[in-house]
N, C-alpha and C. Protein backbone atom coordinates (compact mmCIF):
# COMPACT_ATOMS: atom_id res chain seq x y z
N MET A 1 52.93 98.76 54.88
CA MET A 1 53.38 100.00 54.31
C MET A 1 54.80 100.26 54.78
N SER A 2 55.66 100.55 53.84
CA SER A 2 57.03 100.89 54.22
C SER A 2 57.15 102.40 54.35
N GLY A 3 58.34 102.86 54.69
CA GLY A 3 58.57 104.28 54.93
C GLY A 3 58.56 105.10 53.67
N ASP A 4 58.70 106.40 53.86
CA ASP A 4 58.70 107.36 52.77
C ASP A 4 59.81 108.38 53.04
N GLY A 5 60.39 108.88 52.00
CA GLY A 5 61.44 109.88 52.15
C GLY A 5 62.80 109.28 51.87
N PRO A 6 63.82 110.13 51.89
CA PRO A 6 65.16 109.67 51.54
C PRO A 6 65.69 108.64 52.53
N THR A 7 66.41 107.66 52.00
CA THR A 7 67.00 106.64 52.87
C THR A 7 68.34 107.10 53.42
N ASP A 8 68.87 108.20 52.90
CA ASP A 8 70.18 108.67 53.35
C ASP A 8 70.10 109.90 54.26
N THR A 9 68.92 110.21 54.75
CA THR A 9 68.78 111.34 55.67
C THR A 9 69.32 110.95 57.05
N GLY A 10 69.67 111.91 57.83
CA GLY A 10 70.20 111.62 59.16
C GLY A 10 69.12 111.46 60.21
N ILE A 11 67.87 111.80 59.89
CA ILE A 11 66.80 111.80 60.88
C ILE A 11 65.64 110.93 60.40
N MET A 12 65.23 109.98 61.24
CA MET A 12 64.08 109.14 60.94
C MET A 12 62.99 109.42 61.96
N LEU A 13 61.79 109.74 61.48
CA LEU A 13 60.62 109.93 62.35
C LEU A 13 59.81 108.64 62.31
N VAL A 14 59.57 108.06 63.47
CA VAL A 14 58.81 106.81 63.56
C VAL A 14 57.49 107.11 64.25
N GLY A 15 56.40 106.94 63.52
CA GLY A 15 55.07 107.10 64.07
C GLY A 15 54.56 105.79 64.65
N GLU A 16 53.33 105.84 65.14
CA GLU A 16 52.76 104.65 65.76
C GLU A 16 52.30 103.63 64.72
N ALA A 17 51.34 104.05 63.88
CA ALA A 17 50.75 103.16 62.88
C ALA A 17 50.01 104.03 61.86
N PRO A 18 49.80 103.50 60.68
CA PRO A 18 49.03 104.28 59.70
C PRO A 18 47.57 104.42 60.12
N GLY A 19 47.00 105.55 59.80
CA GLY A 19 45.57 105.76 59.97
C GLY A 19 44.88 105.38 58.67
N PRO A 20 43.58 105.65 58.56
CA PRO A 20 42.86 105.27 57.34
C PRO A 20 43.38 105.96 56.08
N ASP A 21 43.80 107.24 56.18
CA ASP A 21 44.33 107.95 55.00
C ASP A 21 45.65 107.34 54.54
N GLU A 22 46.53 107.05 55.50
CA GLU A 22 47.81 106.44 55.17
C GLU A 22 47.60 105.05 54.58
N ASP A 23 46.67 104.31 55.16
CA ASP A 23 46.38 102.96 54.69
C ASP A 23 45.89 103.01 53.23
N GLU A 24 45.04 103.97 52.93
CA GLU A 24 44.48 104.12 51.59
C GLU A 24 45.55 104.54 50.58
N GLN A 25 46.42 105.50 50.97
CA GLN A 25 47.40 106.05 50.04
C GLN A 25 48.72 105.29 50.03
N GLY A 26 48.97 104.49 51.07
CA GLY A 26 50.21 103.73 51.14
C GLY A 26 51.44 104.56 51.48
N VAL A 27 51.22 105.73 52.10
CA VAL A 27 52.31 106.65 52.45
C VAL A 27 52.11 107.08 53.91
N PRO A 28 53.17 107.02 54.73
CA PRO A 28 53.01 107.43 56.13
C PRO A 28 52.87 108.95 56.30
N PHE A 29 52.21 109.34 57.36
CA PHE A 29 52.07 110.75 57.77
C PHE A 29 51.36 111.63 56.73
N VAL A 30 50.33 111.11 56.08
CA VAL A 30 49.55 111.93 55.15
C VAL A 30 48.15 112.23 55.67
N GLY A 31 47.79 111.65 56.80
CA GLY A 31 46.48 111.86 57.39
C GLY A 31 46.46 113.09 58.27
N ARG A 32 45.52 113.11 59.20
CA ARG A 32 45.32 114.26 60.08
C ARG A 32 46.58 114.60 60.87
N VAL A 33 47.21 113.61 61.47
CA VAL A 33 48.43 113.85 62.26
C VAL A 33 49.56 114.33 61.36
N GLY A 34 49.70 113.75 60.18
CA GLY A 34 50.73 114.17 59.24
C GLY A 34 50.55 115.60 58.78
N ARG A 35 49.32 115.98 58.49
CA ARG A 35 49.05 117.37 58.09
C ARG A 35 49.36 118.32 59.24
N PHE A 36 49.01 117.93 60.47
CA PHE A 36 49.33 118.74 61.64
C PHE A 36 50.85 118.89 61.77
N GLN A 37 51.55 117.79 61.62
CA GLN A 37 53.02 117.80 61.70
C GLN A 37 53.61 118.73 60.65
N ASP A 38 53.14 118.63 59.41
CA ASP A 38 53.66 119.48 58.34
C ASP A 38 53.41 120.96 58.62
N ARG A 39 52.20 121.27 59.06
CA ARG A 39 51.77 122.66 59.24
C ARG A 39 52.38 123.31 60.49
N HIS A 40 52.41 122.59 61.59
CA HIS A 40 52.77 123.21 62.87
C HIS A 40 54.18 122.89 63.36
N ILE A 41 54.77 121.85 62.85
CA ILE A 41 56.09 121.47 63.37
C ILE A 41 57.16 121.64 62.29
N LEU A 42 57.02 120.95 61.18
CA LEU A 42 58.06 121.02 60.15
C LEU A 42 58.21 122.42 59.57
N SER A 43 57.09 123.06 59.26
CA SER A 43 57.17 124.40 58.68
C SER A 43 57.78 125.40 59.65
N ALA A 44 57.62 125.18 60.93
CA ALA A 44 58.17 126.09 61.94
C ALA A 44 59.69 126.03 62.01
N VAL A 45 60.27 124.93 61.52
CA VAL A 45 61.73 124.80 61.53
C VAL A 45 62.28 124.82 60.10
N ASP A 46 61.48 125.38 59.18
CA ASP A 46 61.87 125.47 57.76
C ASP A 46 62.29 124.12 57.19
N ALA A 47 61.53 123.10 57.51
CA ALA A 47 61.80 121.76 57.01
C ALA A 47 60.58 121.26 56.25
N THR A 48 60.80 120.26 55.43
CA THR A 48 59.70 119.60 54.73
C THR A 48 59.83 118.10 54.96
N ARG A 49 58.86 117.37 54.49
CA ARG A 49 58.88 115.91 54.61
C ARG A 49 60.12 115.32 53.95
N LYS A 50 60.65 115.98 52.95
CA LYS A 50 61.82 115.48 52.22
C LYS A 50 63.10 115.51 53.05
N ASP A 51 63.06 116.21 54.19
CA ASP A 51 64.23 116.29 55.07
C ASP A 51 64.35 115.10 56.02
N PHE A 52 63.35 114.22 56.03
CA PHE A 52 63.28 113.13 57.00
C PHE A 52 62.89 111.83 56.33
N ARG A 53 63.24 110.74 56.96
CA ARG A 53 62.67 109.44 56.62
C ARG A 53 61.48 109.26 57.53
N LEU A 54 60.31 109.03 56.96
CA LEU A 54 59.07 108.88 57.72
C LEU A 54 58.63 107.42 57.66
N THR A 55 58.34 106.85 58.80
CA THR A 55 57.91 105.46 58.83
C THR A 55 57.03 105.24 60.05
N ASN A 56 56.53 104.04 60.20
CA ASN A 56 55.68 103.69 61.34
C ASN A 56 56.16 102.42 62.00
N ALA A 57 55.89 102.31 63.30
CA ALA A 57 56.23 101.11 64.06
C ALA A 57 55.40 99.93 63.59
N VAL A 58 54.12 100.16 63.37
CA VAL A 58 53.21 99.13 62.87
C VAL A 58 52.91 99.45 61.42
N ARG A 59 52.98 98.47 60.57
CA ARG A 59 52.90 98.69 59.13
C ARG A 59 51.50 98.69 58.54
N CYS A 60 50.50 98.28 59.32
CA CYS A 60 49.14 98.26 58.79
C CYS A 60 48.19 98.96 59.77
N TYR A 61 47.11 99.44 59.25
CA TYR A 61 46.09 100.15 60.01
C TYR A 61 45.54 99.25 61.10
N PRO A 62 45.63 99.67 62.38
CA PRO A 62 45.18 98.80 63.47
C PRO A 62 43.67 98.71 63.64
N GLY A 63 42.91 99.48 62.90
CA GLY A 63 41.45 99.42 62.98
C GLY A 63 40.88 100.36 64.02
N LYS A 64 39.59 100.20 64.27
CA LYS A 64 38.88 101.06 65.21
C LYS A 64 38.43 100.26 66.42
N ASP A 65 38.24 100.97 67.52
CA ASP A 65 37.75 100.31 68.73
C ASP A 65 36.23 100.25 68.70
N ASN A 66 35.62 99.79 69.78
CA ASN A 66 34.16 99.65 69.81
C ASN A 66 33.43 100.99 69.87
N GLN A 67 34.17 102.09 70.03
CA GLN A 67 33.57 103.43 70.00
C GLN A 67 33.86 104.13 68.68
N ASN A 68 34.31 103.34 67.68
CA ASN A 68 34.59 103.83 66.34
C ASN A 68 35.75 104.83 66.28
N LYS A 69 36.67 104.75 67.25
CA LYS A 69 37.87 105.57 67.26
C LYS A 69 39.05 104.71 66.82
N ILE A 70 40.02 105.34 66.16
CA ILE A 70 41.21 104.61 65.73
C ILE A 70 41.95 104.11 66.96
N ARG A 71 42.24 102.80 66.97
CA ARG A 71 42.95 102.20 68.10
C ARG A 71 44.44 102.48 68.01
N ASN A 72 45.07 102.55 69.18
CA ASN A 72 46.52 102.51 69.21
C ASN A 72 46.94 101.09 68.91
N PRO A 73 48.08 100.90 68.28
CA PRO A 73 48.53 99.53 68.05
C PRO A 73 48.82 98.82 69.37
N ASN A 74 48.53 97.53 69.41
CA ASN A 74 48.80 96.77 70.63
C ASN A 74 50.18 96.12 70.53
N ILE A 75 50.62 95.54 71.63
CA ILE A 75 51.96 94.96 71.69
C ILE A 75 52.14 93.82 70.69
N THR A 76 51.10 93.06 70.41
CA THR A 76 51.18 91.98 69.43
C THR A 76 51.45 92.56 68.05
N GLN A 77 50.76 93.62 67.69
CA GLN A 77 50.98 94.26 66.39
C GLN A 77 52.38 94.88 66.31
N ILE A 78 52.82 95.50 67.40
CA ILE A 78 54.17 96.10 67.43
C ILE A 78 55.22 95.02 67.22
N ARG A 79 55.09 93.91 67.93
CA ARG A 79 56.07 92.82 67.80
C ARG A 79 56.04 92.20 66.42
N ALA A 80 54.85 92.05 65.84
CA ALA A 80 54.73 91.44 64.51
C ALA A 80 55.41 92.28 63.43
N CYS A 81 55.43 93.58 63.60
CA CYS A 81 56.00 94.48 62.60
C CYS A 81 57.43 94.90 62.90
N ASN A 82 57.94 94.53 64.06
CA ASN A 82 59.24 95.03 64.49
C ASN A 82 60.37 94.69 63.54
N LYS A 83 60.37 93.50 62.97
CA LYS A 83 61.47 93.12 62.08
C LYS A 83 61.54 94.04 60.86
N TYR A 84 60.39 94.51 60.38
CA TYR A 84 60.39 95.41 59.23
C TYR A 84 60.96 96.78 59.59
N LEU A 85 60.63 97.25 60.79
CA LEU A 85 61.19 98.52 61.25
C LEU A 85 62.70 98.41 61.43
N VAL A 86 63.15 97.34 62.04
CA VAL A 86 64.59 97.14 62.24
C VAL A 86 65.32 97.08 60.90
N GLU A 87 64.74 96.37 59.92
CA GLU A 87 65.35 96.31 58.58
C GLU A 87 65.44 97.70 57.96
N GLU A 88 64.39 98.50 58.13
CA GLU A 88 64.39 99.85 57.56
C GLU A 88 65.44 100.73 58.25
N ILE A 89 65.56 100.61 59.55
CA ILE A 89 66.58 101.37 60.28
C ILE A 89 67.97 100.97 59.80
N GLU A 90 68.19 99.68 59.66
CA GLU A 90 69.50 99.21 59.21
C GLU A 90 69.80 99.64 57.78
N LEU A 91 68.80 99.70 56.93
CA LEU A 91 68.97 100.17 55.55
C LEU A 91 69.30 101.66 55.50
N CYS A 92 68.56 102.46 56.28
CA CYS A 92 68.69 103.92 56.23
C CYS A 92 69.87 104.45 57.05
N LYS A 93 70.22 103.76 58.10
CA LYS A 93 71.31 104.18 58.99
C LYS A 93 71.19 105.64 59.44
N PRO A 94 70.04 106.01 60.04
CA PRO A 94 69.90 107.39 60.50
C PRO A 94 70.83 107.69 61.66
N LYS A 95 71.13 108.96 61.84
CA LYS A 95 71.95 109.38 62.98
C LYS A 95 71.11 109.49 64.25
N VAL A 96 69.82 109.77 64.08
CA VAL A 96 68.90 109.85 65.22
C VAL A 96 67.52 109.39 64.77
N ILE A 97 66.81 108.76 65.69
CA ILE A 97 65.43 108.34 65.46
C ILE A 97 64.55 109.15 66.40
N VAL A 98 63.48 109.72 65.87
CA VAL A 98 62.52 110.44 66.69
C VAL A 98 61.27 109.56 66.78
N ALA A 99 61.02 109.01 67.97
CA ALA A 99 59.86 108.16 68.21
C ALA A 99 58.68 109.06 68.55
N MET A 100 57.68 109.07 67.68
CA MET A 100 56.53 109.94 67.83
C MET A 100 55.44 109.22 68.63
N GLY A 101 55.60 109.17 69.94
CA GLY A 101 54.60 108.55 70.81
C GLY A 101 55.09 107.25 71.41
N ASN A 102 54.36 106.80 72.42
CA ASN A 102 54.77 105.60 73.16
C ASN A 102 54.80 104.32 72.34
N PRO A 103 53.79 104.02 71.50
CA PRO A 103 53.90 102.80 70.71
C PRO A 103 55.14 102.78 69.82
N ALA A 104 55.51 103.94 69.27
CA ALA A 104 56.72 104.01 68.45
C ALA A 104 57.95 103.73 69.31
N LEU A 105 57.98 104.30 70.50
CA LEU A 105 59.11 104.07 71.40
C LEU A 105 59.19 102.60 71.79
N HIS A 106 58.04 101.98 72.10
CA HIS A 106 58.03 100.57 72.51
C HIS A 106 58.41 99.64 71.37
N SER A 107 58.32 100.10 70.14
CA SER A 107 58.78 99.28 69.03
C SER A 107 60.30 99.27 68.95
N LEU A 108 60.93 100.26 69.57
CA LEU A 108 62.39 100.38 69.55
C LEU A 108 63.03 99.91 70.84
N ILE A 109 62.37 100.14 71.96
CA ILE A 109 62.84 99.74 73.28
C ILE A 109 61.77 98.84 73.88
N PRO A 110 62.06 97.58 74.15
CA PRO A 110 61.04 96.69 74.71
C PRO A 110 60.40 97.26 75.98
N ILE A 111 59.11 97.07 76.12
CA ILE A 111 58.36 97.62 77.24
C ILE A 111 58.90 97.13 78.58
N ASN A 112 59.29 95.87 78.65
CA ASN A 112 59.70 95.30 79.93
C ASN A 112 61.20 95.48 80.19
N ARG A 113 61.90 96.19 79.35
CA ARG A 113 63.34 96.38 79.53
C ARG A 113 63.60 97.62 80.37
N LYS A 114 64.37 97.45 81.42
CA LYS A 114 64.77 98.58 82.25
C LYS A 114 66.04 99.18 81.67
N LEU A 115 66.04 100.48 81.45
CA LEU A 115 67.20 101.14 80.87
C LEU A 115 68.25 101.40 81.94
N ASP A 116 69.49 101.13 81.61
CA ASP A 116 70.60 101.45 82.50
C ASP A 116 70.79 102.96 82.53
N ASP A 117 71.38 103.46 83.60
CA ASP A 117 71.61 104.91 83.72
C ASP A 117 72.45 105.45 82.58
N ASP A 118 73.42 104.66 82.10
CA ASP A 118 74.27 105.17 81.03
C ASP A 118 73.58 105.12 79.68
N GLU A 119 72.42 104.49 79.59
CA GLU A 119 71.66 104.46 78.35
C GLU A 119 70.62 105.57 78.27
N LYS A 120 70.32 106.17 79.38
CA LYS A 120 69.22 107.12 79.43
C LYS A 120 69.72 108.47 79.89
N GLU A 121 69.35 109.48 79.13
CA GLU A 121 69.70 110.85 79.48
C GLU A 121 68.42 111.66 79.33
N VAL A 122 68.06 112.38 80.34
CA VAL A 122 66.84 113.18 80.27
C VAL A 122 67.25 114.63 80.12
N THR A 123 66.71 115.26 79.10
CA THR A 123 66.97 116.68 78.87
C THR A 123 65.71 117.45 79.18
N GLY A 124 65.75 118.75 79.09
CA GLY A 124 64.57 119.56 79.31
C GLY A 124 63.56 119.42 78.20
N VAL A 125 63.98 118.88 77.08
CA VAL A 125 63.11 118.80 75.92
C VAL A 125 62.43 117.45 75.81
N THR A 126 63.19 116.39 75.90
CA THR A 126 62.66 115.07 75.61
C THR A 126 63.56 114.02 76.22
N GLY A 127 63.11 112.82 76.24
CA GLY A 127 63.96 111.73 76.71
C GLY A 127 64.82 111.22 75.57
N ILE A 128 66.05 110.95 75.84
CA ILE A 128 66.95 110.39 74.83
C ILE A 128 67.41 109.03 75.34
N THR A 129 67.21 108.01 74.55
CA THR A 129 67.71 106.69 74.88
C THR A 129 68.54 106.21 73.70
N LYS A 130 69.30 105.17 73.89
CA LYS A 130 70.14 104.67 72.82
C LYS A 130 69.60 103.34 72.32
N TRP A 131 69.56 103.19 71.01
CA TRP A 131 69.08 101.98 70.37
C TRP A 131 70.27 101.22 69.81
N ARG A 132 70.42 100.02 70.25
CA ARG A 132 71.49 99.13 69.78
C ARG A 132 72.85 99.79 69.86
N ALA A 133 73.49 100.07 68.76
CA ALA A 133 74.89 100.53 68.77
C ALA A 133 74.98 102.02 69.07
N GLY A 134 74.26 102.48 70.08
CA GLY A 134 74.37 103.87 70.50
C GLY A 134 73.58 104.86 69.69
N LEU A 135 72.70 104.41 68.78
CA LEU A 135 71.89 105.31 67.97
C LEU A 135 70.87 106.00 68.87
N PRO A 136 70.90 107.32 68.97
CA PRO A 136 69.97 108.00 69.89
C PRO A 136 68.53 107.98 69.40
N ILE A 137 67.62 107.84 70.34
CA ILE A 137 66.19 107.91 70.07
C ILE A 137 65.63 109.06 70.89
N ALA A 138 65.03 110.03 70.23
CA ALA A 138 64.36 111.12 70.91
C ALA A 138 62.88 110.77 70.99
N THR A 139 62.31 110.91 72.16
CA THR A 139 60.91 110.53 72.37
C THR A 139 60.03 111.76 72.44
N ILE A 140 59.01 111.79 71.60
CA ILE A 140 58.07 112.90 71.56
C ILE A 140 56.70 112.35 71.91
N THR A 141 56.00 112.99 72.83
CA THR A 141 54.63 112.62 73.15
C THR A 141 53.74 113.80 72.81
N PHE A 142 52.74 113.56 71.98
CA PHE A 142 51.85 114.62 71.55
C PHE A 142 50.69 114.81 72.51
N GLY A 143 49.97 115.89 72.35
CA GLY A 143 48.78 116.13 73.14
C GLY A 143 48.84 117.42 73.92
N LEU A 144 50.04 117.88 74.23
CA LEU A 144 50.19 119.11 74.99
C LEU A 144 50.84 120.17 74.12
N HIS A 145 50.47 121.42 74.32
CA HIS A 145 51.05 122.51 73.54
C HIS A 145 52.57 122.56 73.71
N SER A 146 53.06 122.27 74.91
CA SER A 146 54.50 122.30 75.15
C SER A 146 55.22 121.23 74.33
N SER A 147 54.53 120.13 74.00
CA SER A 147 55.14 119.10 73.17
C SER A 147 55.42 119.62 71.77
N ILE A 148 54.54 120.47 71.26
CA ILE A 148 54.76 121.07 69.94
C ILE A 148 56.02 121.92 69.97
N SER A 149 56.16 122.77 70.98
CA SER A 149 57.35 123.60 71.10
C SER A 149 58.60 122.75 71.27
N SER A 150 58.50 121.71 72.07
CA SER A 150 59.64 120.82 72.28
C SER A 150 60.05 120.13 70.99
N THR A 151 59.06 119.68 70.22
CA THR A 151 59.34 119.01 68.96
C THR A 151 60.01 119.97 67.99
N ARG A 152 59.50 121.18 67.89
CA ARG A 152 60.13 122.19 67.01
C ARG A 152 61.57 122.43 67.42
N TYR A 153 61.80 122.60 68.72
CA TYR A 153 63.14 122.85 69.25
C TYR A 153 64.07 121.69 68.91
N LEU A 154 63.60 120.47 69.14
CA LEU A 154 64.41 119.29 68.87
C LEU A 154 64.75 119.19 67.40
N LEU A 155 63.77 119.32 66.53
CA LEU A 155 64.03 119.19 65.11
C LEU A 155 64.94 120.29 64.60
N GLN A 156 64.78 121.51 65.11
CA GLN A 156 65.66 122.60 64.72
C GLN A 156 67.10 122.27 65.09
N ALA A 157 67.30 121.69 66.25
CA ALA A 157 68.64 121.33 66.69
C ALA A 157 69.23 120.21 65.84
N LEU A 158 68.37 119.33 65.32
CA LEU A 158 68.85 118.20 64.54
C LEU A 158 69.14 118.55 63.07
N ILE A 159 68.43 119.53 62.55
CA ILE A 159 68.57 119.87 61.11
C ILE A 159 69.86 120.61 60.85
């Protein structure tokens, strides 16, 4: 599954991987997490899906674990799909990438790579790292109420 939304937007949101709804419809961020994002984050900053390029680090549904829960993508899946994400980034040329969770971040910054001090800046909102030619990556981790506020704040600043 490739991304959705304008290719000339300045902001690209990179999710982890499609869930079953995304896999079925062929569009990223249309499942439970996407509806949550639309309702609680984008609407709070007067934005819509059309304001962003939406894509995923892993291009196919990673399946379920032995407890019938959707698995996070593993490093093999992230590496296998990385070239497609890089091609999409190069095509869209966003001004900033928002990595929605650790698997998305690891698709952009290798797990075993130590960031130099001049590459990493920590703000009160989120971590900012630079991808390749200085393209900033904002890292968002979901699960806490404060993350929702941080995401709204970040997106408001970017729009």
